[in-house]
Protein backbone atom coordinates (compact mmCIF):
# COMPACT_ATOMS: atom_id res chain seq x y z
CA UNK A 1 0.00 0.00 0.00
CA UNK A 2 1.54 3.27 -1.08
CA UNK A 3 0.85 6.90 -0.19
CA UNK A 4 -1.83 7.27 -2.90
CA UNK A 5 -3.75 4.28 -1.52
CA UNK A 6 -3.53 5.82 1.96
CA UNK A 7 -4.83 9.15 0.65
CA UNK A 8 -7.70 7.38 -1.11
CA UNK A 9 -8.58 5.52 2.09
CA UNK A 10 -8.51 8.73 4.11
CA UNK A 11 -10.70 10.50 1.55
CA UNK A 12 -13.19 7.62 1.51
CA UNK A 13 -13.35 7.54 5.31
CA UNK A 14 -14.23 11.24 5.35
CA UNK A 15 -17.00 10.88 2.76
CA UNK A 16 -17.41 7.78 0.59
CA UNK A 17 -20.52 9.22 -1.06
CA UNK A 18 -18.46 11.56 -3.24
CA UNK A 19 -17.83 10.64 -6.85
CA UNK A 20 -14.68 8.80 -7.90
CA UNK A 21 -13.80 11.91 -9.94
CA UNK A 22 -13.98 14.18 -6.91
CA UNK A 23 -11.88 11.80 -4.81
CA UNK A 24 -9.39 11.32 -7.66
CA UNK A 25 -9.00 15.10 -8.01
CA UNK A 26 -8.44 15.45 -4.27
CA UNK A 27 -5.73 12.77 -4.30
CA UNK A 28 -4.19 13.92 -7.58
CA UNK A 29 -4.75 10.86 -9.78
CA UNK A 30 -6.97 10.06 -12.75
CA UNK A 31 -10.49 8.72 -12.27
CA UNK A 32 -9.44 5.39 -13.79
CA UNK A 33 -6.43 5.07 -11.49
CA UNK A 34 -8.52 5.93 -8.43
CA UNK A 35 -11.25 3.48 -9.46
CA UNK A 36 -8.72 0.64 -10.02
CA UNK A 37 -6.97 1.29 -6.73
CA UNK A 38 -10.24 1.41 -4.80
CA UNK A 39 -11.39 -1.85 -6.44
CA UNK A 40 -8.08 -3.48 -5.43
CA UNK A 41 -8.43 -2.20 -1.84
CA UNK A 42 -11.91 -3.76 -1.78
CA UNK A 43 -10.65 -7.05 -3.26
CA UNK A 44 -7.80 -7.12 -0.71
CA UNK A 45 -10.29 -6.67 2.14
CA UNK A 46 -8.83 -3.33 3.25
CA UNK A 47 -12.19 -1.68 2.49
CA UNK A 48 -14.75 -3.93 4.16
CA UNK A 49 -17.88 -2.02 3.15
CA UNK A 50 -19.23 1.40 2.33
CA UNK A 51 -22.17 2.45 4.45
CA UNK A 52 -24.32 5.41 5.47
CA UNK A 53 -23.83 6.52 9.07
CA UNK A 54 -27.17 7.35 10.66
CA UNK A 55 -28.11 9.68 13.50
CA UNK A 56 -29.36 7.47 16.34
CA UNK A 57 -31.22 10.30 18.08
CA UNK A 58 -33.17 11.21 14.94
CA UNK A 59 -34.15 7.53 14.65
CA UNK A 60 -35.49 7.48 18.22
CA UNK A 61 -32.51 5.60 19.68
CA UNK A 62 -30.76 8.23 21.81
CA UNK A 63 -29.49 5.97 24.60
CA UNK A 64 -26.13 4.21 24.18
CA UNK A 65 -25.49 1.35 26.59
CA UNK A 66 -22.22 -0.41 27.31
CA UNK A 67 -23.03 -3.76 28.86
CA UNK A 68 -20.40 -5.74 30.76
CA UNK A 69 -21.10 -9.46 30.87
CA UNK A 70 -19.66 -12.29 32.89
CA UNK A 71 -20.38 -15.97 32.53
CA UNK A 72 -19.23 -19.14 34.24
CA UNK A 73 -19.62 -21.09 31.02
CA UNK A 74 -16.60 -21.20 28.77
CA UNK A 75 -17.44 -23.90 26.26
CA UNK A 76 -18.11 -23.94 22.54
CA UNK A 77 -21.81 -24.80 22.89
CA UNK A 78 -22.48 -21.86 25.19
CA UNK A 79 -20.40 -19.51 23.05
CA UNK A 80 -22.34 -20.46 19.90
CA UNK A 81 -25.66 -19.98 21.73
CA UNK A 82 -24.49 -16.59 23.00
CA UNK A 83 -23.58 -15.46 19.48
CA UNK A 84 -27.02 -16.58 18.28
CA UNK A 85 -28.69 -14.53 21.01
CA UNK A 86 -26.59 -11.46 20.12
CA UNK A 87 -27.46 -11.81 16.45
CA UNK A 88 -31.21 -11.78 17.23
CA UNK A 89 -30.98 -8.38 18.95
CA UNK A 90 -30.80 -5.56 16.38
CA UNK A 91 -30.01 -2.99 19.08
CA UNK A 92 -26.66 -4.70 19.71
CA UNK A 93 -24.14 -2.83 17.56
CA UNK A 94 -20.89 -4.34 18.79
CA UNK A 95 -19.84 -7.26 20.96
CA UNK A 96 -16.35 -8.22 22.09
CA UNK A 97 -14.77 -11.08 24.04
CA UNK A 98 -12.46 -9.37 26.51
CA UNK A 99 -9.34 -10.06 28.51
CA UNK A 100 -9.24 -9.26 32.22
CA UNK A 101 -12.20 -9.20 34.61
CA UNK A 102 -14.89 -8.97 31.94
CA UNK A 103 -15.85 -11.83 29.67
CA UNK A 104 -17.77 -9.76 27.10
CA UNK A 105 -18.48 -6.11 26.38
CA UNK A 106 -21.54 -5.19 24.33
CA UNK A 107 -22.47 -1.83 22.86
CA UNK A 108 -26.17 -1.27 22.21
CA UNK A 109 -28.33 1.62 21.03
CA UNK A 110 -31.81 1.79 22.58
CA UNK A 111 -34.77 4.16 22.79
CA UNK A 112 -34.92 4.49 26.58
CA UNK A 113 -34.70 2.50 29.82
CA UNK A 114 -37.68 0.38 28.81
CA UNK A 115 -35.85 -0.37 25.55
CA UNK A 116 -32.77 -1.41 27.53
CA UNK A 117 -34.92 -3.61 29.78
CA UNK A 118 -36.30 -5.42 26.71
CA UNK A 119 -32.76 -5.93 25.46
CA UNK A 120 -31.65 -7.15 28.90
CA UNK A 121 -34.41 -9.76 28.94
CA UNK A 122 -33.22 -11.05 25.57
CA UNK A 123 -29.57 -11.08 26.66
CA UNK A 124 -30.14 -13.15 29.77
CA UNK A 125 -31.45 -16.00 27.61
CA UNK A 126 -27.75 -16.75 27.18
CA UNK A 127 -27.47 -17.76 30.88
CA UNK A 128 -25.12 -15.06 32.12
CA UNK A 129 -23.71 -14.79 35.64
CA UNK A 130 -23.44 -11.04 35.86
CA UNK A 131 -24.77 -8.20 33.74
CA UNK A 132 -23.68 -4.65 34.45
CA UNK A 133 -24.57 -1.64 32.31
CA UNK A 134 -23.33 1.91 31.96
CA UNK A 135 -25.17 4.52 29.93
CA UNK A 136 -23.55 7.29 27.90
CA UNK A 137 -24.42 10.69 29.32
CA UNK A 138 -22.51 12.73 26.74
CA UNK A 139 -20.48 11.79 23.68
CA UNK A 140 -17.18 13.66 23.62
CA UNK A 141 -15.78 12.03 20.49
CA UNK A 142 -17.19 9.50 18.06
CA UNK A 143 -15.61 8.56 14.78
CA UNK A 144 -15.40 5.59 12.45
CA UNK A 145 -12.29 7.05 10.81
CA UNK A 146 -9.20 4.92 11.45
CA UNK A 147 -5.78 6.58 11.59
CA UNK A 148 -3.77 5.62 8.52
CA UNK A 149 -0.05 5.27 9.31
C-alpha atoms as a PDB file:
ATOM      1  CA  UNK A   1       0.000   0.000   0.000  1.00  0.00           C
ATOM      2  CA  UNK A   2       1.543   3.269  -1.083  1.00  0.00           C
ATOM      3  CA  UNK A   3       0.849   6.900  -0.194  1.00  0.00           C
ATOM      4  CA  UNK A   4      -1.826   7.272  -2.903  1.00  0.00           C
ATOM      5  CA  UNK A   5      -3.748   4.279  -1.522  1.00  0.00           C
ATOM      6  CA  UNK A   6      -3.534   5.825   1.956  1.00  0.00           C
ATOM      7  CA  UNK A   7      -4.833   9.152   0.652  1.00  0.00           C
ATOM      8  CA  UNK A   8      -7.695   7.377  -1.113  1.00  0.00           C
ATOM      9  CA  UNK A   9      -8.583   5.523   2.094  1.00  0.00           C
ATOM     10  CA  UNK A  10      -8.513   8.725   4.105  1.00  0.00           C
ATOM     11  CA  UNK A  11     -10.700  10.503   1.547  1.00  0.00           C
ATOM     12  CA  UNK A  12     -13.189   7.621   1.514  1.00  0.00           C
ATOM     13  CA  UNK A  13     -13.345   7.540   5.313  1.00  0.00           C
ATOM     14  CA  UNK A  14     -14.228  11.235   5.354  1.00  0.00           C
ATOM     15  CA  UNK A  15     -17.002  10.878   2.760  1.00  0.00           C
ATOM     16  CA  UNK A  16     -17.409   7.780   0.593  1.00  0.00           C
ATOM     17  CA  UNK A  17     -20.517   9.216  -1.063  1.00  0.00           C
ATOM     18  CA  UNK A  18     -18.457  11.557  -3.241  1.00  0.00           C
ATOM     19  CA  UNK A  19     -17.834  10.637  -6.855  1.00  0.00           C
ATOM     20  CA  UNK A  20     -14.680   8.800  -7.900  1.00  0.00           C
ATOM     21  CA  UNK A  21     -13.801  11.910  -9.943  1.00  0.00           C
ATOM     22  CA  UNK A  22     -13.980  14.180  -6.907  1.00  0.00           C
ATOM     23  CA  UNK A  23     -11.884  11.800  -4.811  1.00  0.00           C
ATOM     24  CA  UNK A  24      -9.388  11.319  -7.659  1.00  0.00           C
ATOM     25  CA  UNK A  25      -8.997  15.103  -8.014  1.00  0.00           C
ATOM     26  CA  UNK A  26      -8.438  15.453  -4.270  1.00  0.00           C
ATOM     27  CA  UNK A  27      -5.726  12.771  -4.297  1.00  0.00           C
ATOM     28  CA  UNK A  28      -4.194  13.922  -7.583  1.00  0.00           C
ATOM     29  CA  UNK A  29      -4.749  10.856  -9.777  1.00  0.00           C
ATOM     30  CA  UNK A  30      -6.967  10.058 -12.750  1.00  0.00           C
ATOM     31  CA  UNK A  31     -10.492   8.723 -12.268  1.00  0.00           C
ATOM     32  CA  UNK A  32      -9.440   5.392 -13.793  1.00  0.00           C
ATOM     33  CA  UNK A  33      -6.431   5.066 -11.490  1.00  0.00           C
ATOM     34  CA  UNK A  34      -8.518   5.926  -8.430  1.00  0.00           C
ATOM     35  CA  UNK A  35     -11.253   3.476  -9.457  1.00  0.00           C
ATOM     36  CA  UNK A  36      -8.716   0.643 -10.015  1.00  0.00           C
ATOM     37  CA  UNK A  37      -6.968   1.290  -6.725  1.00  0.00           C
ATOM     38  CA  UNK A  38     -10.237   1.406  -4.795  1.00  0.00           C
ATOM     39  CA  UNK A  39     -11.394  -1.851  -6.441  1.00  0.00           C
ATOM     40  CA  UNK A  40      -8.075  -3.479  -5.426  1.00  0.00           C
ATOM     41  CA  UNK A  41      -8.435  -2.203  -1.843  1.00  0.00           C
ATOM     42  CA  UNK A  42     -11.912  -3.760  -1.777  1.00  0.00           C
ATOM     43  CA  UNK A  43     -10.654  -7.048  -3.261  1.00  0.00           C
ATOM     44  CA  UNK A  44      -7.799  -7.125  -0.709  1.00  0.00           C
ATOM     45  CA  UNK A  45     -10.295  -6.669   2.143  1.00  0.00           C
ATOM     46  CA  UNK A  46      -8.834  -3.325   3.254  1.00  0.00           C
ATOM     47  CA  UNK A  47     -12.186  -1.685   2.490  1.00  0.00           C
ATOM     48  CA  UNK A  48     -14.750  -3.933   4.160  1.00  0.00           C
ATOM     49  CA  UNK A  49     -17.878  -2.024   3.146  1.00  0.00           C
ATOM     50  CA  UNK A  50     -19.228   1.402   2.331  1.00  0.00           C
ATOM     51  CA  UNK A  51     -22.173   2.455   4.452  1.00  0.00           C
ATOM     52  CA  UNK A  52     -24.316   5.409   5.473  1.00  0.00           C
ATOM     53  CA  UNK A  53     -23.828   6.523   9.072  1.00  0.00           C
ATOM     54  CA  UNK A  54     -27.173   7.351  10.661  1.00  0.00           C
ATOM     55  CA  UNK A  55     -28.110   9.685  13.501  1.00  0.00           C
ATOM     56  CA  UNK A  56     -29.356   7.473  16.335  1.00  0.00           C
ATOM     57  CA  UNK A  57     -31.217  10.297  18.082  1.00  0.00           C
ATOM     58  CA  UNK A  58     -33.167  11.205  14.943  1.00  0.00           C
ATOM     59  CA  UNK A  59     -34.150   7.532  14.654  1.00  0.00           C
ATOM     60  CA  UNK A  60     -35.490   7.483  18.220  1.00  0.00           C
ATOM     61  CA  UNK A  61     -32.507   5.598  19.678  1.00  0.00           C
ATOM     62  CA  UNK A  62     -30.760   8.233  21.814  1.00  0.00           C
ATOM     63  CA  UNK A  63     -29.487   5.968  24.604  1.00  0.00           C
ATOM     64  CA  UNK A  64     -26.127   4.210  24.183  1.00  0.00           C
ATOM     65  CA  UNK A  65     -25.490   1.353  26.593  1.00  0.00           C
ATOM     66  CA  UNK A  66     -22.219  -0.410  27.312  1.00  0.00           C
ATOM     67  CA  UNK A  67     -23.033  -3.763  28.857  1.00  0.00           C
ATOM     68  CA  UNK A  68     -20.398  -5.736  30.760  1.00  0.00           C
ATOM     69  CA  UNK A  69     -21.101  -9.456  30.866  1.00  0.00           C
ATOM     70  CA  UNK A  70     -19.662 -12.294  32.889  1.00  0.00           C
ATOM     71  CA  UNK A  71     -20.382 -15.972  32.530  1.00  0.00           C
ATOM     72  CA  UNK A  72     -19.233 -19.143  34.241  1.00  0.00           C
ATOM     73  CA  UNK A  73     -19.625 -21.089  31.018  1.00  0.00           C
ATOM     74  CA  UNK A  74     -16.600 -21.199  28.775  1.00  0.00           C
ATOM     75  CA  UNK A  75     -17.442 -23.896  26.264  1.00  0.00           C
ATOM     76  CA  UNK A  76     -18.113 -23.940  22.537  1.00  0.00           C
ATOM     77  CA  UNK A  77     -21.812 -24.796  22.887  1.00  0.00           C
ATOM     78  CA  UNK A  78     -22.481 -21.865  25.194  1.00  0.00           C
ATOM     79  CA  UNK A  79     -20.399 -19.513  23.047  1.00  0.00           C
ATOM     80  CA  UNK A  80     -22.341 -20.461  19.901  1.00  0.00           C
ATOM     81  CA  UNK A  81     -25.663 -19.982  21.726  1.00  0.00           C
ATOM     82  CA  UNK A  82     -24.494 -16.595  23.005  1.00  0.00           C
ATOM     83  CA  UNK A  83     -23.575 -15.457  19.476  1.00  0.00           C
ATOM     84  CA  UNK A  84     -27.020 -16.583  18.276  1.00  0.00           C
ATOM     85  CA  UNK A  85     -28.691 -14.530  21.010  1.00  0.00           C
ATOM     86  CA  UNK A  86     -26.590 -11.465  20.123  1.00  0.00           C
ATOM     87  CA  UNK A  87     -27.461 -11.811  16.453  1.00  0.00           C
ATOM     88  CA  UNK A  88     -31.213 -11.782  17.227  1.00  0.00           C
ATOM     89  CA  UNK A  89     -30.980  -8.381  18.947  1.00  0.00           C
ATOM     90  CA  UNK A  90     -30.801  -5.563  16.382  1.00  0.00           C
ATOM     91  CA  UNK A  91     -30.010  -2.990  19.083  1.00  0.00           C
ATOM     92  CA  UNK A  92     -26.656  -4.700  19.706  1.00  0.00           C
ATOM     93  CA  UNK A  93     -24.141  -2.829  17.555  1.00  0.00           C
ATOM     94  CA  UNK A  94     -20.886  -4.339  18.791  1.00  0.00           C
ATOM     95  CA  UNK A  95     -19.838  -7.265  20.956  1.00  0.00           C
ATOM     96  CA  UNK A  96     -16.345  -8.218  22.095  1.00  0.00           C
ATOM     97  CA  UNK A  97     -14.773 -11.083  24.037  1.00  0.00           C
ATOM     98  CA  UNK A  98     -12.463  -9.366  26.511  1.00  0.00           C
ATOM     99  CA  UNK A  99      -9.344 -10.061  28.513  1.00  0.00           C
ATOM    100  CA  UNK A 100      -9.244  -9.258  32.224  1.00  0.00           C
ATOM    101  CA  UNK A 101     -12.202  -9.196  34.614  1.00  0.00           C
ATOM    102  CA  UNK A 102     -14.889  -8.971  31.936  1.00  0.00           C
ATOM    103  CA  UNK A 103     -15.846 -11.829  29.673  1.00  0.00           C
ATOM    104  CA  UNK A 104     -17.773  -9.756  27.096  1.00  0.00           C
ATOM    105  CA  UNK A 105     -18.476  -6.115  26.379  1.00  0.00           C
ATOM    106  CA  UNK A 106     -21.542  -5.189  24.331  1.00  0.00           C
ATOM    107  CA  UNK A 107     -22.474  -1.825  22.862  1.00  0.00           C
ATOM    108  CA  UNK A 108     -26.168  -1.266  22.209  1.00  0.00           C
ATOM    109  CA  UNK A 109     -28.334   1.623  21.035  1.00  0.00           C
ATOM    110  CA  UNK A 110     -31.811   1.793  22.576  1.00  0.00           C
ATOM    111  CA  UNK A 111     -34.769   4.156  22.793  1.00  0.00           C
ATOM    112  CA  UNK A 112     -34.925   4.489  26.579  1.00  0.00           C
ATOM    113  CA  UNK A 113     -34.696   2.500  29.823  1.00  0.00           C
ATOM    114  CA  UNK A 114     -37.683   0.379  28.807  1.00  0.00           C
ATOM    115  CA  UNK A 115     -35.845  -0.374  25.553  1.00  0.00           C
ATOM    116  CA  UNK A 116     -32.774  -1.408  27.533  1.00  0.00           C
ATOM    117  CA  UNK A 117     -34.924  -3.606  29.777  1.00  0.00           C
ATOM    118  CA  UNK A 118     -36.305  -5.421  26.712  1.00  0.00           C
ATOM    119  CA  UNK A 119     -32.757  -5.929  25.455  1.00  0.00           C
ATOM    120  CA  UNK A 120     -31.649  -7.155  28.896  1.00  0.00           C
ATOM    121  CA  UNK A 121     -34.412  -9.764  28.944  1.00  0.00           C
ATOM    122  CA  UNK A 122     -33.218 -11.047  25.574  1.00  0.00           C
ATOM    123  CA  UNK A 123     -29.565 -11.084  26.655  1.00  0.00           C
ATOM    124  CA  UNK A 124     -30.144 -13.154  29.769  1.00  0.00           C
ATOM    125  CA  UNK A 125     -31.454 -15.995  27.605  1.00  0.00           C
ATOM    126  CA  UNK A 126     -27.749 -16.753  27.182  1.00  0.00           C
ATOM    127  CA  UNK A 127     -27.473 -17.765  30.876  1.00  0.00           C
ATOM    128  CA  UNK A 128     -25.124 -15.061  32.120  1.00  0.00           C
ATOM    129  CA  UNK A 129     -23.710 -14.791  35.641  1.00  0.00           C
ATOM    130  CA  UNK A 130     -23.444 -11.042  35.864  1.00  0.00           C
ATOM    131  CA  UNK A 131     -24.772  -8.196  33.736  1.00  0.00           C
ATOM    132  CA  UNK A 132     -23.678  -4.648  34.446  1.00  0.00           C
ATOM    133  CA  UNK A 133     -24.567  -1.643  32.307  1.00  0.00           C
ATOM    134  CA  UNK A 134     -23.328   1.914  31.964  1.00  0.00           C
ATOM    135  CA  UNK A 135     -25.168   4.516  29.925  1.00  0.00           C
ATOM    136  CA  UNK A 136     -23.547   7.285  27.902  1.00  0.00           C
ATOM    137  CA  UNK A 137     -24.423  10.690  29.324  1.00  0.00           C
ATOM    138  CA  UNK A 138     -22.505  12.735  26.743  1.00  0.00           C
ATOM    139  CA  UNK A 139     -20.477  11.789  23.679  1.00  0.00           C
ATOM    140  CA  UNK A 140     -17.182  13.657  23.624  1.00  0.00           C
ATOM    141  CA  UNK A 141     -15.779  12.025  20.494  1.00  0.00           C
ATOM    142  CA  UNK A 142     -17.186   9.503  18.062  1.00  0.00           C
ATOM    143  CA  UNK A 143     -15.612   8.558  14.777  1.00  0.00           C
ATOM    144  CA  UNK A 144     -15.403   5.591  12.453  1.00  0.00           C
ATOM    145  CA  UNK A 145     -12.294   7.053  10.805  1.00  0.00           C
ATOM    146  CA  UNK A 146      -9.200   4.921  11.449  1.00  0.00           C
ATOM    147  CA  UNK A 147      -5.781   6.583  11.593  1.00  0.00           C
ATOM    148  CA  UNK A 148      -3.772   5.623   8.521  1.00  0.00           C
ATOM    149  CA  UNK A 149      -0.053   5.271   9.305  1.00  0.00           C
END
